Structure formats: structure tokens, C-alpha cells
């Protein structure tokens, strides 16, 4: 079985400081990815202020708006404020059997959660974890340990696993822990090879390194966004670049084509 997945931090569907709504362009762009599963971060389930000042602001939460008629959706509310809330979301072309949001907030100034959704594909369960880790290295380490504890404590050791999102790990220090504890591979380093990236020639100076460079969108040089897999072979991985992506968010998305590995049983 083959799957096409994507991860994308959508910056709450607005430009810097919320002056321009980007959510309609983001929806159109996501449809171009043709992904079966879309791991989304900074999704606004509600924002009363933006609904007032933007004439075309969706009448429903961004997770529902982006899912439309083509995908099912799971939403994990993380940050709650006076005029609304935002969090992570998973869009799925396949039935979502269950989902839960795990609070991994490390301090009062950052509300973070890990969304765990179980997707049913051809009679098998795929465990999907949507990630948006904190800005401080110590917080990220503790949040990754919380992720590992959840997976090791609740999933069979060979359960098909997809972990994707914004790791904020510009130093690239978290992967070895995930490799060692969960037996995963990162999409751009699967089987010791580097998958293809769509970098413009002037970005070649920044092309070295294990993971994909996805931030900032106009000139990606930080490796913040990741896709980790277990039970899948990575057929292709790609960073989306150029129009329309540079005008929609401060991140660019990653897309990966996967194929399930034969069951060990």
C-alpha cells in the first residue's frame, strides 16, 4: 500500500501580525499536494478578532475548513486565549478511528500538545502523531521524552507509525533519540540516503545537512519540520518551494511518498 503524506505549519492562516488572511490560499495550495494525510500545526479552531476584521474568514474552525469534503479531521486544541484557540490537526482521506490530544506544555508561556490519531487503512491501524515542540531546547527534550513514553507505553513495538510536524529543532539534536528509542527513520535520511529536495540553485550553499530546510519560507535554511516513519519505506521526499508557498506561511511544507513494509508476522 502506498501513502502520500504532508506536514505544514500554516502560521494560523494569516500573514505576519494577522493583517492579511491567507487561509483560502492555504486551502487551495494543500489541495495541490494531493496528500492522503496532512499533518498541520498552528491551526486556529477559533479566532473572533480575525473573524471580525477579515471579510472572508471561514465560518468554521480552520481544521474543518481545510478538511472540506475530501478529508476527515482530528483537531487538538493547545493554546487557549480570550478570543479563541489554536493547535494541531490531522486531515485524512481514510477513516479516523480515534484521536486524543496529549498536553506536553513545559511552562506557562508555551502551551503545547501532541495529537495522536489512529487512522484505519485497508483494515490496519496507522498511528499518526502531529507535533509542534517548544522554542527551548530543554522543553523539546522533555516533550520528546513524553512522546516516546506515550508510544512505548500504549503501542505495540511494531505498530505502523508516522510522526510529523514542526520540531523547532534547528540544532538537529533530537533525531538520534527517536531513532534509538522508537526505531523510526526520518524521511530525508531513510536507509542512509538523502531524498530529493526542490532547492533553487542559490540555496545550494545551505543544502548540506541531514534534514530538510523549511524555515523561513522565503529563504529556507533551518531544519524545523520533520517526517519520521516506522513500518514504511520512503519512496520520495520533497520540500515544496517557490510560489505559492513563499507567500502563505513562514514555513514551507514537506511531502513524502511512502510504501508499507511487509509485516514481520
C-alpha atoms as a PDB file:
ATOM      1  CA  UNK A   1       0.000   0.000   0.000  1.00  0.00           C
ATOM      2  CA  UNK A   2       1.216   3.474  -0.873  1.00  0.00           C
ATOM      3  CA  UNK A   3       0.522   6.698   1.004  1.00  0.00           C
ATOM      4  CA  UNK A   4       1.259  10.325   0.278  1.00  0.00           C
ATOM      5  CA  UNK A   5       1.625  12.492   3.377  1.00  0.00           C
ATOM      6  CA  UNK A   6       2.499  16.120   4.086  1.00  0.00           C
ATOM      7  CA  UNK A   7       3.362  18.264   7.083  1.00  0.00           C
ATOM      8  CA  UNK A   8       2.833  22.023   7.184  1.00  0.00           C
ATOM      9  CA  UNK A   9       2.903  24.794   9.784  1.00  0.00           C
ATOM     10  CA  UNK A  10       0.265  27.199   8.429  1.00  0.00           C
ATOM     11  CA  UNK A  11       1.046  30.182  10.739  1.00  0.00           C
ATOM     12  CA  UNK A  12      -2.598  30.385  11.874  1.00  0.00           C
ATOM     13  CA  UNK A  13      -3.731  31.142   8.332  1.00  0.00           C
ATOM     14  CA  UNK A  14      -2.648  34.789   8.432  1.00  0.00           C
ATOM     15  CA  UNK A  15       0.307  36.950   7.440  1.00  0.00           C
ATOM     16  CA  UNK A  16       2.684  38.451   9.963  1.00  0.00           C
ATOM     17  CA  UNK A  17       0.747  40.299  12.683  1.00  0.00           C
ATOM     18  CA  UNK A  18      -2.504  38.918  11.239  1.00  0.00           C
ATOM     19  CA  UNK A  19      -3.007  41.737   8.787  1.00  0.00           C
ATOM     20  CA  UNK A  20      -3.923  39.573   5.788  1.00  0.00           C
ATOM     21  CA  UNK A  21      -5.867  36.328   5.694  1.00  0.00           C
ATOM     22  CA  UNK A  22      -4.029  33.502   3.914  1.00  0.00           C
ATOM     23  CA  UNK A  23      -6.352  30.641   4.798  1.00  0.00           C
ATOM     24  CA  UNK A  24      -8.106  30.426   1.417  1.00  0.00           C
ATOM     25  CA  UNK A  25      -4.786  30.325  -0.420  1.00  0.00           C
ATOM     26  CA  UNK A  26      -3.534  27.699   2.027  1.00  0.00           C
ATOM     27  CA  UNK A  27      -6.564  25.514   1.335  1.00  0.00           C
ATOM     28  CA  UNK A  28      -6.011  25.752  -2.420  1.00  0.00           C
ATOM     29  CA  UNK A  29      -2.307  25.006  -2.022  1.00  0.00           C
ATOM     30  CA  UNK A  30      -2.881  21.992   0.245  1.00  0.00           C
ATOM     31  CA  UNK A  31      -5.219  20.522  -2.369  1.00  0.00           C
ATOM     32  CA  UNK A  32      -2.340  20.696  -4.875  1.00  0.00           C
ATOM     33  CA  UNK A  33      -0.275  18.410  -2.632  1.00  0.00           C
ATOM     34  CA  UNK A  34      -2.817  15.600  -3.197  1.00  0.00           C
ATOM     35  CA  UNK A  35      -1.890  14.104   0.186  1.00  0.00           C
ATOM     36  CA  UNK A  36      -3.779  11.292   1.886  1.00  0.00           C
ATOM     37  CA  UNK A  37      -2.672  12.532   5.314  1.00  0.00           C
ATOM     38  CA  UNK A  38      -1.823  16.150   6.143  1.00  0.00           C
ATOM     39  CA  UNK A  39      -0.172  16.961   9.484  1.00  0.00           C
ATOM     40  CA  UNK A  40      -0.916  20.614  10.328  1.00  0.00           C
ATOM     41  CA  UNK A  41       0.415  22.929  13.031  1.00  0.00           C
ATOM     42  CA  UNK A  42      -0.756  26.366  14.220  1.00  0.00           C
ATOM     43  CA  UNK A  43      -4.332  25.727  13.135  1.00  0.00           C
ATOM     44  CA  UNK A  44      -6.879  28.146  14.571  1.00  0.00           C
ATOM     45  CA  UNK A  45     -10.015  26.430  15.748  1.00  0.00           C
ATOM     46  CA  UNK A  46     -11.457  29.840  16.657  1.00  0.00           C
ATOM     47  CA  UNK A  47     -10.337  33.459  16.383  1.00  0.00           C
ATOM     48  CA  UNK A  48     -13.078  36.003  16.985  1.00  0.00           C
ATOM     49  CA  UNK A  49     -10.876  39.017  16.204  1.00  0.00           C
ATOM     50  CA  UNK A  50      -9.812  37.705  12.794  1.00  0.00           C
ATOM     51  CA  UNK A  51     -13.408  36.756  12.024  1.00  0.00           C
ATOM     52  CA  UNK A  52     -14.378  40.378  12.586  1.00  0.00           C
ATOM     53  CA  UNK A  53     -11.679  42.085  10.526  1.00  0.00           C
ATOM     54  CA  UNK A  54     -11.388  39.626   7.591  1.00  0.00           C
ATOM     55  CA  UNK A  55     -14.476  39.561   5.391  1.00  0.00           C
ATOM     56  CA  UNK A  56     -13.863  36.039   4.019  1.00  0.00           C
ATOM     57  CA  UNK A  57     -12.868  34.422   7.303  1.00  0.00           C
ATOM     58  CA  UNK A  58     -14.286  30.855   7.427  1.00  0.00           C
ATOM     59  CA  UNK A  59     -17.461  30.307   9.434  1.00  0.00           C
ATOM     60  CA  UNK A  60     -15.980  27.107  10.907  1.00  0.00           C
ATOM     61  CA  UNK A  61     -12.642  26.287  12.505  1.00  0.00           C
ATOM     62  CA  UNK A  62      -9.663  26.202  10.168  1.00  0.00           C
ATOM     63  CA  UNK A  63      -9.296  22.443  10.653  1.00  0.00           C
ATOM     64  CA  UNK A  64     -12.835  21.865   9.378  1.00  0.00           C
ATOM     65  CA  UNK A  65     -12.427  24.419   6.599  1.00  0.00           C
ATOM     66  CA  UNK A  66      -9.218  22.827   5.328  1.00  0.00           C
ATOM     67  CA  UNK A  67     -10.639  19.301   5.539  1.00  0.00           C
ATOM     68  CA  UNK A  68     -13.660  20.221   3.423  1.00  0.00           C
ATOM     69  CA  UNK A  69     -15.481  17.287   1.871  1.00  0.00           C
ATOM     70  CA  UNK A  70     -12.371  15.332   0.887  1.00  0.00           C
ATOM     71  CA  UNK A  71     -10.823  14.540   4.278  1.00  0.00           C
ATOM     72  CA  UNK A  72     -11.806  13.593   7.792  1.00  0.00           C
ATOM     73  CA  UNK A  73     -10.220  15.716  10.503  1.00  0.00           C
ATOM     74  CA  UNK A  74      -8.901  15.469  14.057  1.00  0.00           C
ATOM     75  CA  UNK A  75      -8.055  18.633  15.998  1.00  0.00           C
ATOM     76  CA  UNK A  76      -6.053  19.034  19.182  1.00  0.00           C
ATOM     77  CA  UNK A  77      -6.583  22.355  20.960  1.00  0.00           C
ATOM     78  CA  UNK A  78      -3.389  23.563  22.624  1.00  0.00           C
ATOM     79  CA  UNK A  79      -3.212  27.330  23.122  1.00  0.00           C
ATOM     80  CA  UNK A  80      -6.368  28.952  24.523  1.00  0.00           C
ATOM     81  CA  UNK A  81      -6.809  32.719  24.754  1.00  0.00           C
ATOM     82  CA  UNK A  82      -9.589  35.258  25.207  1.00  0.00           C
ATOM     83  CA  UNK A  83     -10.593  35.425  21.537  1.00  0.00           C
ATOM     84  CA  UNK A  84     -10.041  31.809  20.508  1.00  0.00           C
ATOM     85  CA  UNK A  85      -7.635  28.886  20.375  1.00  0.00           C
ATOM     86  CA  UNK A  86      -5.231  27.055  18.090  1.00  0.00           C
ATOM     87  CA  UNK A  87      -3.465  23.718  17.953  1.00  0.00           C
ATOM     88  CA  UNK A  88      -2.558  20.795  15.693  1.00  0.00           C
ATOM     89  CA  UNK A  89      -4.745  18.961  13.193  1.00  0.00           C
ATOM     90  CA  UNK A  90      -4.671  15.876  11.014  1.00  0.00           C
ATOM     91  CA  UNK A  91      -6.528  15.704   7.702  1.00  0.00           C
ATOM     92  CA  UNK A  92      -7.151  12.154   6.486  1.00  0.00           C
ATOM     93  CA  UNK A  93      -8.687  10.614   3.385  1.00  0.00           C
ATOM     94  CA  UNK A  94      -9.110   7.464   5.454  1.00  0.00           C
ATOM     95  CA  UNK A  95     -11.389   6.924   8.461  1.00  0.00           C
ATOM     96  CA  UNK A  96     -10.051   8.296  11.738  1.00  0.00           C
ATOM     97  CA  UNK A  97     -10.847   5.565  14.256  1.00  0.00           C
ATOM     98  CA  UNK A  98      -9.904   7.624  17.323  1.00  0.00           C
ATOM     99  CA  UNK A  99      -7.801  10.557  18.441  1.00  0.00           C
ATOM    100  CA  UNK A 100      -6.519  12.145  21.631  1.00  0.00           C
ATOM    101  CA  UNK A 101      -4.534  15.268  22.436  1.00  0.00           C
ATOM    102  CA  UNK A 102      -1.692  14.999  24.959  1.00  0.00           C
ATOM    103  CA  UNK A 103      -0.753  18.153  26.843  1.00  0.00           C
ATOM    104  CA  UNK A 104       3.034  18.467  26.870  1.00  0.00           C
ATOM    105  CA  UNK A 105       3.231  22.118  27.927  1.00  0.00           C
ATOM    106  CA  UNK A 106       6.545  22.641  29.680  1.00  0.00           C
ATOM    107  CA  UNK A 107       5.928  26.077  31.198  1.00  0.00           C
ATOM    108  CA  UNK A 108       3.234  28.742  31.421  1.00  0.00           C
ATOM    109  CA  UNK A 109       4.426  30.729  28.404  1.00  0.00           C
ATOM    110  CA  UNK A 110       4.058  27.967  25.801  1.00  0.00           C
ATOM    111  CA  UNK A 111       1.005  25.734  25.515  1.00  0.00           C
ATOM    112  CA  UNK A 112       1.966  22.656  23.506  1.00  0.00           C
ATOM    113  CA  UNK A 113       0.250  19.392  22.687  1.00  0.00           C
ATOM    114  CA  UNK A 114       0.834  16.204  20.724  1.00  0.00           C
ATOM    115  CA  UNK A 115      -2.144  14.994  18.691  1.00  0.00           C
ATOM    116  CA  UNK A 116      -2.390  11.211  18.368  1.00  0.00           C
ATOM    117  CA  UNK A 117      -4.840   9.948  15.738  1.00  0.00           C
ATOM    118  CA  UNK A 118      -5.421   6.334  14.725  1.00  0.00           C
ATOM    119  CA  UNK A 119      -6.194   6.072  11.016  1.00  0.00           C
ATOM    120  CA  UNK A 120      -7.770   2.919   9.600  1.00  0.00           C
ATOM    121  CA  UNK A 121      -6.312   1.971   6.195  1.00  0.00           C
ATOM    122  CA  UNK A 122      -7.287  -1.287   4.497  1.00  0.00           C
ATOM    123  CA  UNK A 123      -8.152  -2.857   7.822  1.00  0.00           C
ATOM    124  CA  UNK A 124      -4.904  -1.822   9.516  1.00  0.00           C
ATOM    125  CA  UNK A 125      -4.329   0.926  12.084  1.00  0.00           C
ATOM    126  CA  UNK A 126      -1.711   3.594  11.443  1.00  0.00           C
ATOM    127  CA  UNK A 127      -0.741   5.721  14.439  1.00  0.00           C
ATOM    128  CA  UNK A 128      -0.229   9.356  13.480  1.00  0.00           C
ATOM    129  CA  UNK A 129       1.348  11.896  15.824  1.00  0.00           C
ATOM    130  CA  UNK A 130       1.166  15.597  14.942  1.00  0.00           C
ATOM    131  CA  UNK A 131       3.984  17.513  16.640  1.00  0.00           C
ATOM    132  CA  UNK A 132       4.750  21.145  17.448  1.00  0.00           C
ATOM    133  CA  UNK A 133       7.521  21.337  20.012  1.00  0.00           C
ATOM    134  CA  UNK A 134       8.626  24.265  22.157  1.00  0.00           C
ATOM    135  CA  UNK A 135      11.128  27.018  21.468  1.00  0.00           C
ATOM    136  CA  UNK A 136      13.562  26.000  24.228  1.00  0.00           C
ATOM    137  CA  UNK A 137      15.902  23.033  23.884  1.00  0.00           C
ATOM    138  CA  UNK A 138      15.189  21.680  27.381  1.00  0.00           C
ATOM    139  CA  UNK A 139      11.444  21.830  26.696  1.00  0.00           C
ATOM    140  CA  UNK A 140      11.859  19.969  23.423  1.00  0.00           C
ATOM    141  CA  UNK A 141      13.860  17.218  25.090  1.00  0.00           C
ATOM    142  CA  UNK A 142      11.187  16.717  27.746  1.00  0.00           C
ATOM    143  CA  UNK A 143       8.408  16.816  25.135  1.00  0.00           C
ATOM    144  CA  UNK A 144      10.156  14.202  23.011  1.00  0.00           C
ATOM    145  CA  UNK A 145      10.501  12.020  26.099  1.00  0.00           C
ATOM    146  CA  UNK A 146       6.750  12.419  26.684  1.00  0.00           C
ATOM    147  CA  UNK A 147       6.136  11.327  23.076  1.00  0.00           C
ATOM    148  CA  UNK A 148       8.394   8.300  23.495  1.00  0.00           C
ATOM    149  CA  UNK A 149       6.733   7.366  26.792  1.00  0.00           C
ATOM    150  CA  UNK A 150       3.276   7.537  25.181  1.00  0.00           C
ATOM    151  CA  UNK A 151       4.281   5.419  22.198  1.00  0.00           C
ATOM    152  CA  UNK A 152       6.211   2.802  24.153  1.00  0.00           C
ATOM    153  CA  UNK A 153       3.520   2.596  26.811  1.00  0.00           C
ATOM    154  CA  UNK A 154       0.483   2.261  24.551  1.00  0.00           C
ATOM    155  CA  UNK A 155       1.521   0.901  21.133  1.00  0.00           C
ATOM    156  CA  UNK A 156       2.869  -2.498  20.066  1.00  0.00           C
ATOM    157  CA  UNK A 157       6.597  -2.225  19.263  1.00  0.00           C
ATOM    158  CA  UNK A 158       5.976  -2.901  15.558  1.00  0.00           C
ATOM    159  CA  UNK A 159       2.861  -0.739  15.110  1.00  0.00           C
ATOM    160  CA  UNK A 160       2.985   1.384  11.908  1.00  0.00           C
ATOM    161  CA  UNK A 161       3.946   4.871  12.994  1.00  0.00           C
ATOM    162  CA  UNK A 162       4.014   8.345  11.437  1.00  0.00           C
ATOM    163  CA  UNK A 163       5.367  11.313  13.399  1.00  0.00           C
ATOM    164  CA  UNK A 164       5.396  14.657  11.628  1.00  0.00           C
ATOM    165  CA  UNK A 165       5.330  18.354  12.361  1.00  0.00           C
ATOM    166  CA  UNK A 166       7.334  21.358  13.491  1.00  0.00           C
ATOM    167  CA  UNK A 167      10.063  20.196  15.870  1.00  0.00           C
ATOM    168  CA  UNK A 168      11.737  23.619  16.251  1.00  0.00           C
ATOM    169  CA  UNK A 169      14.950  21.595  16.405  1.00  0.00           C
ATOM    170  CA  UNK A 170      17.312  23.832  14.431  1.00  0.00           C
ATOM    171  CA  UNK A 171      20.328  22.151  16.042  1.00  0.00           C
ATOM    172  CA  UNK A 172      19.140  18.714  14.763  1.00  0.00           C
ATOM    173  CA  UNK A 173      19.766  17.014  18.118  1.00  0.00           C
ATOM    174  CA  UNK A 174      16.523  15.081  18.607  1.00  0.00           C
ATOM    175  CA  UNK A 175      16.673  12.540  15.805  1.00  0.00           C
ATOM    176  CA  UNK A 176      19.190  10.181  17.397  1.00  0.00           C
ATOM    177  CA  UNK A 177      16.924   9.818  20.424  1.00  0.00           C
ATOM    178  CA  UNK A 178      13.933   8.998  18.227  1.00  0.00           C
ATOM    179  CA  UNK A 179      15.950   6.562  16.099  1.00  0.00           C
ATOM    180  CA  UNK A 180      17.215   4.760  19.173  1.00  0.00           C
ATOM    181  CA  UNK A 181      14.029   4.654  21.259  1.00  0.00           C
ATOM    182  CA  UNK A 182      11.342   4.208  18.581  1.00  0.00           C
ATOM    183  CA  UNK A 183      13.116   2.584  15.638  1.00  0.00           C
ATOM    184  CA  UNK A 184      11.941   5.287  13.238  1.00  0.00           C
ATOM    185  CA  UNK A 185      13.613   6.798  10.199  1.00  0.00           C
ATOM    186  CA  UNK A 186      13.414  10.395   9.044  1.00  0.00           C
ATOM    187  CA  UNK A 187      12.104  10.912   5.516  1.00  0.00           C
ATOM    188  CA  UNK A 188      15.251  12.674   4.284  1.00  0.00           C
ATOM    189  CA  UNK A 189      17.638  10.150   5.769  1.00  0.00           C
ATOM    190  CA  UNK A 190      15.890   6.852   5.145  1.00  0.00           C
ATOM    191  CA  UNK A 191      18.218   3.876   4.649  1.00  0.00           C
ATOM    192  CA  UNK A 192      21.215   6.191   4.820  1.00  0.00           C
ATOM    193  CA  UNK A 193      20.332   8.040   1.625  1.00  0.00           C
ATOM    194  CA  UNK A 194      19.122  11.582   1.073  1.00  0.00           C
ATOM    195  CA  UNK A 195      15.819  12.056  -0.690  1.00  0.00           C
ATOM    196  CA  UNK A 196      15.345  14.783  -3.290  1.00  0.00           C
ATOM    197  CA  UNK A 197      14.723  18.391  -2.315  1.00  0.00           C
ATOM    198  CA  UNK A 198      13.480  21.218  -4.500  1.00  0.00           C
ATOM    199  CA  UNK A 199      16.140  23.831  -3.747  1.00  0.00           C
ATOM    200  CA  UNK A 200      16.784  26.719  -6.084  1.00  0.00           C
ATOM    201  CA  UNK A 201      20.446  26.955  -7.204  1.00  0.00           C
ATOM    202  CA  UNK A 202      21.108  29.914  -4.919  1.00  0.00           C
ATOM    203  CA  UNK A 203      20.143  27.728  -1.970  1.00  0.00           C
ATOM    204  CA  UNK A 204      22.843  25.148  -2.706  1.00  0.00           C
ATOM    205  CA  UNK A 205      25.098  26.691  -0.049  1.00  0.00           C
ATOM    206  CA  UNK A 206      22.565  25.546   2.539  1.00  0.00           C
ATOM    207  CA  UNK A 207      21.807  22.114   1.097  1.00  0.00           C
ATOM    208  CA  UNK A 208      24.170  20.190   3.367  1.00  0.00           C
ATOM    209  CA  UNK A 209      22.781  18.501   6.451  1.00  0.00           C
ATOM    210  CA  UNK A 210      20.591  15.554   7.274  1.00  0.00           C
ATOM    211  CA  UNK A 211      17.124  17.066   7.413  1.00  0.00           C
ATOM    212  CA  UNK A 212      15.082  19.263   5.093  1.00  0.00           C
ATOM    213  CA  UNK A 213      15.365  23.036   5.397  1.00  0.00           C
ATOM    214  CA  UNK A 214      11.892  24.527   5.685  1.00  0.00           C
ATOM    215  CA  UNK A 215      12.167  27.881   7.514  1.00  0.00           C
ATOM    216  CA  UNK A 216      11.842  30.743   6.774  1.00  0.00           C
ATOM    217  CA  UNK A 217       9.725  30.176   3.682  1.00  0.00           C
ATOM    218  CA  UNK A 218      11.409  32.843   1.562  1.00  0.00           C
ATOM    219  CA  UNK A 219      14.916  31.504   2.208  1.00  0.00           C
ATOM    220  CA  UNK A 220      14.778  28.116   3.969  1.00  0.00           C
ATOM    221  CA  UNK A 221      17.898  27.323   5.946  1.00  0.00           C
ATOM    222  CA  UNK A 222      16.645  25.984   9.297  1.00  0.00           C
ATOM    223  CA  UNK A 223      15.608  22.328   9.588  1.00  0.00           C
ATOM    224  CA  UNK A 224      12.476  22.695  11.701  1.00  0.00           C
ATOM    225  CA  UNK A 225       9.944  20.356  10.085  1.00  0.00           C
ATOM    226  CA  UNK A 226      10.302  16.582  10.019  1.00  0.00           C
ATOM    227  CA  UNK A 227       8.622  13.337   8.984  1.00  0.00           C
ATOM    228  CA  UNK A 228       9.570  10.177  10.906  1.00  0.00           C
ATOM    229  CA  UNK A 229       8.247   6.767   9.843  1.00  0.00           C
ATOM    230  CA  UNK A 230       8.180   3.208  11.137  1.00  0.00           C
ATOM    231  CA  UNK A 231       6.788   0.332   9.116  1.00  0.00           C
ATOM    232  CA  UNK A 232       7.105   2.292   5.857  1.00  0.00           C
ATOM    233  CA  UNK A 233       9.617   2.670   3.060  1.00  0.00           C
ATOM    234  CA  UNK A 234      10.229   6.250   1.904  1.00  0.00           C
ATOM    235  CA  UNK A 235       9.879   6.320  -1.877  1.00  0.00           C
ATOM    236  CA  UNK A 236      10.382  10.069  -2.241  1.00  0.00           C
ATOM    237  CA  UNK A 237      10.551  13.142  -0.033  1.00  0.00           C
ATOM    238  CA  UNK A 238      10.285  16.711  -1.205  1.00  0.00           C
ATOM    239  CA  UNK A 239      10.367  20.233   0.150  1.00  0.00           C
ATOM    240  CA  UNK A 240       7.902  22.485  -1.637  1.00  0.00           C
ATOM    241  CA  UNK A 241       9.451  25.765  -2.742  1.00  0.00           C
ATOM    242  CA  UNK A 242       8.592  28.831  -4.772  1.00  0.00           C
ATOM    243  CA  UNK A 243       5.069  30.043  -5.474  1.00  0.00           C
ATOM    244  CA  UNK A 244       2.593  29.787  -3.880  1.00  0.00           C
ATOM    245  CA  UNK A 245       4.372  28.551  -0.753  1.00  0.00           C
ATOM    246  CA  UNK A 246       6.590  31.561  -0.063  1.00  0.00           C
ATOM    247  CA  UNK A 247       3.527  33.813   0.257  1.00  0.00           C
ATOM    248  CA  UNK A 248       1.343  31.659   2.528  1.00  0.00           C
ATOM    249  CA  UNK A 249       3.223  30.876   5.758  1.00  0.00           C
ATOM    250  CA  UNK A 250       6.617  31.303   7.376  1.00  0.00           C
ATOM    251  CA  UNK A 251       7.259  27.570   6.786  1.00  0.00           C
ATOM    252  CA  UNK A 252       7.177  25.528   3.590  1.00  0.00           C
ATOM    253  CA  UNK A 253       5.659  22.039   3.630  1.00  0.00           C
ATOM    254  CA  UNK A 254       7.277  18.639   3.272  1.00  0.00           C
ATOM    255  CA  UNK A 255       5.646  15.927   1.163  1.00  0.00           C
ATOM    256  CA  UNK A 256       6.623  12.254   1.299  1.00  0.00           C
ATOM    257  CA  UNK A 257       5.538   9.240  -0.714  1.00  0.00           C
ATOM    258  CA  UNK A 258       5.532   6.067   1.389  1.00  0.00           C
ATOM    259  CA  UNK A 259       5.005   2.360   0.910  1.00  0.00           C
ATOM    260  CA  UNK A 260       4.111  -0.029   3.707  1.00  0.00           C
ATOM    261  CA  UNK A 261       6.695  -2.642   4.592  1.00  0.00           C
ATOM    262  CA  UNK A 262       5.679  -6.308   4.859  1.00  0.00           C
ATOM    263  CA  UNK A 263       4.506  -7.280   8.324  1.00  0.00           C
ATOM    264  CA  UNK A 264       7.113  -9.059  10.453  1.00  0.00           C
ATOM    265  CA  UNK A 265       4.444 -11.535  11.439  1.00  0.00           C
END
